[in-house]
Amino acid sequence: MTPHVRAAVAFVAGRLASGRRSTSVFDYSRGQYVQFGGSVSQTSVNVFDYDRGAHFSGSGSGGRLSLFHYGDSHHVSLNVKGRQFDGFDYGTSSHFSGSVNGGSVNLYDYGESQHFQYSL
């Protein structure tokens, strides 16, 4: 996954799993905040990534969302169940999984074989 897609996924998964109304995530791998605007719910996501200048949106039900990153022009599937999440990034053909603990989001990118940390 690219850094901005990872940050967008961490933001959406973090919002859904924690219930927090954050407008940004801190990306520890890049040492910076990534700002977002828009709405996130279990059935609909419509956010704007100000860092990338692109929308990240989609819909679904029961925590299973089919999303589209307009900056990279590809789909991302995201499944959130409780404080755990997983999915698939069609742009890099890689799986990811993670967990949310309070405002902390831990995402494992199987394509990079690496953990990434975010904070809401």
N, C-alpha and C. Protein backbone atom coordinates (compact mmCIF):
# COMPACT_ATOMS: atom_id res chain seq x y z
N MET A 1 0.85 -1.18 0.00
CA MET A 1 0.00 0.00 0.00
C MET A 1 0.89 1.24 0.00
N THR A 2 0.41 2.27 -0.61
CA THR A 2 1.15 3.54 -0.57
C THR A 2 0.89 4.21 0.79
N PRO A 3 1.77 5.09 1.22
CA PRO A 3 1.59 5.72 2.54
C PRO A 3 0.27 6.45 2.70
N HIS A 4 -0.21 7.13 1.65
CA HIS A 4 -1.46 7.89 1.81
C HIS A 4 -2.68 6.97 1.84
N VAL A 5 -2.65 5.84 1.13
CA VAL A 5 -3.76 4.89 1.21
C VAL A 5 -3.78 4.24 2.59
N ARG A 6 -2.60 3.88 3.10
CA ARG A 6 -2.51 3.32 4.46
C ARG A 6 -3.08 4.29 5.48
N ALA A 7 -2.73 5.57 5.37
CA ALA A 7 -3.23 6.58 6.31
C ALA A 7 -4.74 6.72 6.22
N ALA A 8 -5.28 6.68 5.00
CA ALA A 8 -6.74 6.79 4.82
C ALA A 8 -7.45 5.59 5.43
N VAL A 9 -6.91 4.39 5.22
CA VAL A 9 -7.48 3.18 5.81
C VAL A 9 -7.41 3.25 7.33
N ALA A 10 -6.26 3.67 7.87
CA ALA A 10 -6.11 3.79 9.32
C ALA A 10 -7.11 4.80 9.88
N PHE A 11 -7.32 5.89 9.18
CA PHE A 11 -8.27 6.91 9.62
C PHE A 11 -9.69 6.34 9.68
N VAL A 12 -10.13 5.72 8.59
CA VAL A 12 -11.50 5.18 8.54
C VAL A 12 -11.68 4.05 9.54
N ALA A 13 -10.75 3.10 9.57
CA ALA A 13 -10.85 1.98 10.51
C ALA A 13 -10.81 2.48 11.95
N GLY A 14 -9.94 3.45 12.21
CA GLY A 14 -9.85 4.01 13.56
C GLY A 14 -11.12 4.70 13.99
N ARG A 15 -11.71 5.47 13.10
CA ARG A 15 -12.97 6.15 13.41
C ARG A 15 -14.08 5.14 13.68
N LEU A 16 -14.18 4.11 12.82
CA LEU A 16 -15.25 3.12 12.98
C LEU A 16 -15.08 2.30 14.25
N ALA A 17 -13.87 1.86 14.53
CA ALA A 17 -13.65 0.98 15.68
C ALA A 17 -13.66 1.71 17.01
N SER A 18 -13.22 2.97 17.02
CA SER A 18 -13.13 3.70 18.29
C SER A 18 -14.34 4.59 18.57
N GLY A 19 -15.04 4.98 17.50
CA GLY A 19 -16.15 5.92 17.67
C GLY A 19 -15.69 7.36 17.84
N ARG A 20 -14.39 7.61 17.76
CA ARG A 20 -13.87 8.97 17.90
C ARG A 20 -14.16 9.79 16.66
N ARG A 21 -14.32 11.09 16.84
CA ARG A 21 -14.64 11.99 15.74
C ARG A 21 -13.43 12.79 15.30
N SER A 22 -12.32 12.13 15.15
CA SER A 22 -11.07 12.77 14.76
C SER A 22 -11.15 13.31 13.33
N THR A 23 -10.35 14.33 13.04
CA THR A 23 -10.25 14.86 11.67
C THR A 23 -8.85 14.65 11.10
N SER A 24 -8.05 13.85 11.81
CA SER A 24 -6.69 13.57 11.33
C SER A 24 -6.15 12.30 11.95
N VAL A 25 -5.07 11.80 11.38
CA VAL A 25 -4.28 10.74 12.00
C VAL A 25 -2.83 11.21 12.01
N PHE A 26 -2.11 10.80 13.04
CA PHE A 26 -0.68 11.04 13.04
C PHE A 26 -0.03 9.77 12.51
N ASP A 27 0.73 9.90 11.43
CA ASP A 27 1.41 8.79 10.78
C ASP A 27 2.84 8.75 11.33
N TYR A 28 3.12 7.79 12.21
CA TYR A 28 4.44 7.72 12.84
C TYR A 28 5.55 7.39 11.85
N SER A 29 5.24 6.66 10.78
CA SER A 29 6.28 6.32 9.81
C SER A 29 6.74 7.54 9.02
N ARG A 30 5.85 8.52 8.85
CA ARG A 30 6.22 9.74 8.14
C ARG A 30 6.43 10.93 9.08
N GLY A 31 6.08 10.75 10.35
CA GLY A 31 6.26 11.81 11.34
C GLY A 31 5.41 13.03 11.07
N GLN A 32 4.17 12.82 10.62
CA GLN A 32 3.31 13.96 10.30
C GLN A 32 1.83 13.62 10.47
N TYR A 33 1.05 14.69 10.68
CA TYR A 33 -0.40 14.56 10.70
C TYR A 33 -0.93 14.54 9.28
N VAL A 34 -1.97 13.73 9.05
CA VAL A 34 -2.67 13.71 7.77
C VAL A 34 -4.10 14.13 8.07
N GLN A 35 -4.54 15.22 7.45
CA GLN A 35 -5.86 15.80 7.71
C GLN A 35 -6.92 15.21 6.78
N PHE A 36 -8.10 14.96 7.34
CA PHE A 36 -9.25 14.46 6.58
C PHE A 36 -10.48 15.28 6.92
N GLY A 37 -11.41 15.33 5.99
CA GLY A 37 -12.69 15.95 6.24
C GLY A 37 -13.78 15.07 5.66
N GLY A 38 -14.95 15.08 6.26
CA GLY A 38 -16.05 14.29 5.72
C GLY A 38 -16.68 13.39 6.78
N SER A 39 -17.43 12.41 6.30
CA SER A 39 -18.21 11.56 7.20
C SER A 39 -17.79 10.09 7.09
N VAL A 40 -17.90 9.40 8.24
CA VAL A 40 -17.57 7.98 8.33
C VAL A 40 -18.65 7.29 9.14
N SER A 41 -19.26 6.25 8.56
CA SER A 41 -20.22 5.43 9.30
C SER A 41 -20.06 3.98 8.87
N GLN A 42 -20.78 3.08 9.53
CA GLN A 42 -20.70 1.64 9.21
C GLN A 42 -21.21 1.32 7.81
N THR A 43 -21.99 2.24 7.22
CA THR A 43 -22.57 1.97 5.90
C THR A 43 -22.08 2.91 4.81
N SER A 44 -21.39 3.99 5.19
CA SER A 44 -20.97 4.97 4.18
C SER A 44 -19.72 5.73 4.63
N VAL A 45 -18.80 5.89 3.70
CA VAL A 45 -17.59 6.68 3.94
C VAL A 45 -17.48 7.70 2.82
N ASN A 46 -17.30 8.95 3.19
CA ASN A 46 -17.09 10.01 2.21
C ASN A 46 -16.14 11.02 2.84
N VAL A 47 -14.83 10.78 2.65
CA VAL A 47 -13.84 11.67 3.25
C VAL A 47 -12.93 12.25 2.16
N PHE A 48 -12.31 13.36 2.51
CA PHE A 48 -11.35 14.01 1.62
C PHE A 48 -10.01 14.02 2.31
N ASP A 49 -9.01 13.48 1.65
CA ASP A 49 -7.63 13.43 2.14
C ASP A 49 -6.94 14.71 1.69
N TYR A 50 -6.75 15.65 2.63
CA TYR A 50 -6.15 16.94 2.28
C TYR A 50 -4.68 16.81 1.91
N ASP A 51 -3.99 15.82 2.46
CA ASP A 51 -2.58 15.59 2.14
C ASP A 51 -2.42 15.18 0.68
N ARG A 52 -3.30 14.32 0.22
CA ARG A 52 -3.24 13.80 -1.15
C ARG A 52 -4.09 14.62 -2.11
N GLY A 53 -5.07 15.37 -1.58
CA GLY A 53 -5.97 16.14 -2.43
C GLY A 53 -6.94 15.26 -3.18
N ALA A 54 -7.46 14.22 -2.49
CA ALA A 54 -8.33 13.25 -3.16
C ALA A 54 -9.40 12.71 -2.21
N HIS A 55 -10.52 12.32 -2.79
CA HIS A 55 -11.59 11.68 -2.04
C HIS A 55 -11.29 10.21 -1.82
N PHE A 56 -11.82 9.68 -0.72
CA PHE A 56 -11.77 8.26 -0.38
C PHE A 56 -13.16 7.93 0.10
N SER A 57 -13.91 7.20 -0.70
CA SER A 57 -15.31 7.01 -0.34
C SER A 57 -15.84 5.67 -0.82
N GLY A 58 -17.01 5.31 -0.29
CA GLY A 58 -17.67 4.07 -0.67
C GLY A 58 -18.77 3.74 0.30
N SER A 59 -19.29 2.52 0.18
CA SER A 59 -20.40 2.11 1.04
C SER A 59 -20.34 0.61 1.30
N GLY A 60 -21.24 0.16 2.15
CA GLY A 60 -21.33 -1.25 2.48
C GLY A 60 -22.32 -1.45 3.61
N SER A 61 -22.20 -2.58 4.29
CA SER A 61 -23.06 -2.85 5.44
C SER A 61 -22.35 -3.81 6.38
N GLY A 62 -22.75 -3.76 7.65
CA GLY A 62 -22.19 -4.66 8.64
C GLY A 62 -20.69 -4.52 8.82
N GLY A 63 -20.14 -3.34 8.59
CA GLY A 63 -18.71 -3.14 8.75
C GLY A 63 -17.88 -3.55 7.54
N ARG A 64 -18.55 -4.09 6.49
CA ARG A 64 -17.85 -4.47 5.25
C ARG A 64 -18.04 -3.35 4.23
N LEU A 65 -16.95 -2.67 3.92
CA LEU A 65 -17.03 -1.52 3.04
C LEU A 65 -16.23 -1.73 1.76
N SER A 66 -16.80 -1.29 0.66
CA SER A 66 -16.09 -1.25 -0.62
C SER A 66 -15.79 0.21 -0.90
N LEU A 67 -14.50 0.56 -0.86
CA LEU A 67 -14.08 1.96 -0.96
C LEU A 67 -13.30 2.19 -2.25
N PHE A 68 -13.22 3.46 -2.64
CA PHE A 68 -12.46 3.83 -3.84
C PHE A 68 -11.60 5.03 -3.50
N HIS A 69 -10.31 4.93 -3.79
CA HIS A 69 -9.38 6.03 -3.58
C HIS A 69 -9.23 6.77 -4.92
N TYR A 70 -9.78 7.97 -4.98
CA TYR A 70 -9.80 8.71 -6.24
C TYR A 70 -8.44 9.28 -6.63
N GLY A 71 -7.54 9.42 -5.68
CA GLY A 71 -6.19 9.89 -6.01
C GLY A 71 -5.37 8.83 -6.72
N ASP A 72 -5.59 7.57 -6.34
CA ASP A 72 -4.86 6.44 -6.95
C ASP A 72 -5.71 5.67 -7.94
N SER A 73 -6.99 6.00 -8.01
CA SER A 73 -7.93 5.35 -8.94
C SER A 73 -7.98 3.83 -8.78
N HIS A 74 -8.18 3.39 -7.54
CA HIS A 74 -8.38 1.96 -7.32
C HIS A 74 -9.23 1.70 -6.07
N HIS A 75 -9.74 0.48 -6.00
CA HIS A 75 -10.62 0.05 -4.91
C HIS A 75 -9.83 -0.47 -3.72
N VAL A 76 -10.45 -0.35 -2.56
CA VAL A 76 -9.93 -0.91 -1.32
C VAL A 76 -11.11 -1.52 -0.58
N SER A 77 -10.99 -2.80 -0.19
CA SER A 77 -12.03 -3.40 0.64
C SER A 77 -11.59 -3.28 2.09
N LEU A 78 -12.54 -2.99 2.96
CA LEU A 78 -12.26 -2.82 4.38
C LEU A 78 -13.35 -3.49 5.19
N ASN A 79 -12.96 -4.38 6.10
CA ASN A 79 -13.89 -5.07 6.98
C ASN A 79 -13.52 -4.71 8.42
N VAL A 80 -14.45 -4.10 9.13
CA VAL A 80 -14.21 -3.72 10.53
C VAL A 80 -15.16 -4.52 11.40
N LYS A 81 -14.58 -5.24 12.36
CA LYS A 81 -15.39 -6.04 13.29
C LYS A 81 -14.87 -5.79 14.69
N GLY A 82 -15.64 -5.05 15.46
CA GLY A 82 -15.19 -4.67 16.79
C GLY A 82 -13.98 -3.76 16.68
N ARG A 83 -12.89 -4.14 17.32
CA ARG A 83 -11.66 -3.34 17.27
C ARG A 83 -10.64 -3.90 16.29
N GLN A 84 -11.04 -4.91 15.52
CA GLN A 84 -10.16 -5.52 14.52
C GLN A 84 -10.62 -5.13 13.11
N PHE A 85 -9.67 -5.08 12.18
CA PHE A 85 -10.03 -4.81 10.79
C PHE A 85 -9.08 -5.53 9.86
N ASP A 86 -9.54 -5.74 8.64
CA ASP A 86 -8.69 -6.30 7.59
C ASP A 86 -9.24 -5.87 6.25
N GLY A 87 -8.52 -6.19 5.19
CA GLY A 87 -8.98 -5.81 3.87
C GLY A 87 -7.96 -6.07 2.80
N PHE A 88 -8.23 -5.50 1.63
CA PHE A 88 -7.38 -5.73 0.46
C PHE A 88 -7.27 -4.44 -0.33
N ASP A 89 -6.04 -4.10 -0.68
CA ASP A 89 -5.75 -2.92 -1.50
C ASP A 89 -5.55 -3.40 -2.94
N TYR A 90 -6.49 -3.08 -3.81
CA TYR A 90 -6.43 -3.55 -5.20
C TYR A 90 -5.37 -2.82 -6.02
N GLY A 91 -4.90 -1.68 -5.55
CA GLY A 91 -3.86 -0.95 -6.28
C GLY A 91 -2.52 -1.63 -6.21
N THR A 92 -2.22 -2.24 -5.08
CA THR A 92 -0.94 -2.94 -4.91
C THR A 92 -1.13 -4.45 -4.75
N SER A 93 -2.39 -4.90 -4.88
CA SER A 93 -2.73 -6.32 -4.71
C SER A 93 -2.18 -6.88 -3.41
N SER A 94 -2.42 -6.16 -2.32
CA SER A 94 -1.90 -6.61 -1.03
C SER A 94 -2.97 -6.57 0.05
N HIS A 95 -2.90 -7.55 0.93
CA HIS A 95 -3.79 -7.62 2.09
C HIS A 95 -3.23 -6.75 3.21
N PHE A 96 -4.12 -6.39 4.12
CA PHE A 96 -3.72 -5.69 5.33
C PHE A 96 -4.63 -6.11 6.46
N SER A 97 -4.18 -5.92 7.68
CA SER A 97 -5.01 -6.19 8.86
C SER A 97 -4.53 -5.29 9.97
N GLY A 98 -5.35 -5.18 11.01
CA GLY A 98 -4.94 -4.32 12.10
C GLY A 98 -5.90 -4.34 13.26
N SER A 99 -5.58 -3.49 14.22
CA SER A 99 -6.40 -3.37 15.41
C SER A 99 -6.40 -1.93 15.90
N VAL A 100 -7.42 -1.60 16.67
CA VAL A 100 -7.58 -0.26 17.21
C VAL A 100 -7.71 -0.38 18.72
N ASN A 101 -6.91 0.40 19.43
CA ASN A 101 -6.96 0.41 20.89
C ASN A 101 -7.05 1.87 21.33
N GLY A 102 -8.26 2.31 21.69
CA GLY A 102 -8.47 3.72 22.00
C GLY A 102 -8.25 4.54 20.74
N GLY A 103 -7.30 5.47 20.77
CA GLY A 103 -6.99 6.28 19.59
C GLY A 103 -5.79 5.77 18.82
N SER A 104 -5.27 4.61 19.19
CA SER A 104 -4.10 4.05 18.53
C SER A 104 -4.50 3.00 17.50
N VAL A 105 -3.96 3.14 16.29
CA VAL A 105 -4.27 2.20 15.20
C VAL A 105 -2.97 1.52 14.77
N ASN A 106 -2.99 0.19 14.78
CA ASN A 106 -1.86 -0.61 14.35
C ASN A 106 -2.26 -1.32 13.06
N LEU A 107 -1.58 -1.06 11.97
CA LEU A 107 -1.91 -1.65 10.67
C LEU A 107 -0.73 -2.46 10.17
N TYR A 108 -0.99 -3.72 9.81
CA TYR A 108 0.06 -4.55 9.20
C TYR A 108 -0.21 -4.63 7.71
N ASP A 109 0.76 -4.19 6.92
CA ASP A 109 0.68 -4.20 5.46
C ASP A 109 1.45 -5.43 4.97
N TYR A 110 0.72 -6.43 4.45
CA TYR A 110 1.35 -7.67 4.00
C TYR A 110 2.23 -7.45 2.77
N GLY A 111 1.92 -6.45 1.96
CA GLY A 111 2.74 -6.14 0.80
C GLY A 111 4.10 -5.60 1.19
N GLU A 112 4.16 -4.86 2.29
CA GLU A 112 5.41 -4.29 2.80
C GLU A 112 6.04 -5.18 3.87
N SER A 113 5.27 -6.18 4.36
CA SER A 113 5.71 -7.04 5.47
C SER A 113 6.14 -6.20 6.67
N GLN A 114 5.28 -5.23 7.02
CA GLN A 114 5.67 -4.28 8.05
C GLN A 114 4.45 -3.73 8.79
N HIS A 115 4.65 -3.44 10.08
CA HIS A 115 3.61 -2.79 10.90
C HIS A 115 3.75 -1.27 10.76
N PHE A 116 2.61 -0.58 10.80
CA PHE A 116 2.57 0.87 10.76
C PHE A 116 1.66 1.35 11.89
N GLN A 117 2.08 2.41 12.57
CA GLN A 117 1.34 2.94 13.71
C GLN A 117 0.75 4.31 13.38
N TYR A 118 -0.48 4.51 13.86
CA TYR A 118 -1.18 5.78 13.67
C TYR A 118 -1.88 6.15 14.97
N SER A 119 -2.16 7.41 15.13
CA SER A 119 -2.88 7.88 16.30
C SER A 119 -3.96 8.85 15.85
N LEU A 120 -5.19 8.63 16.33
CA LEU A 120 -6.31 9.52 15.98
C LEU A 120 -6.26 10.76 16.86
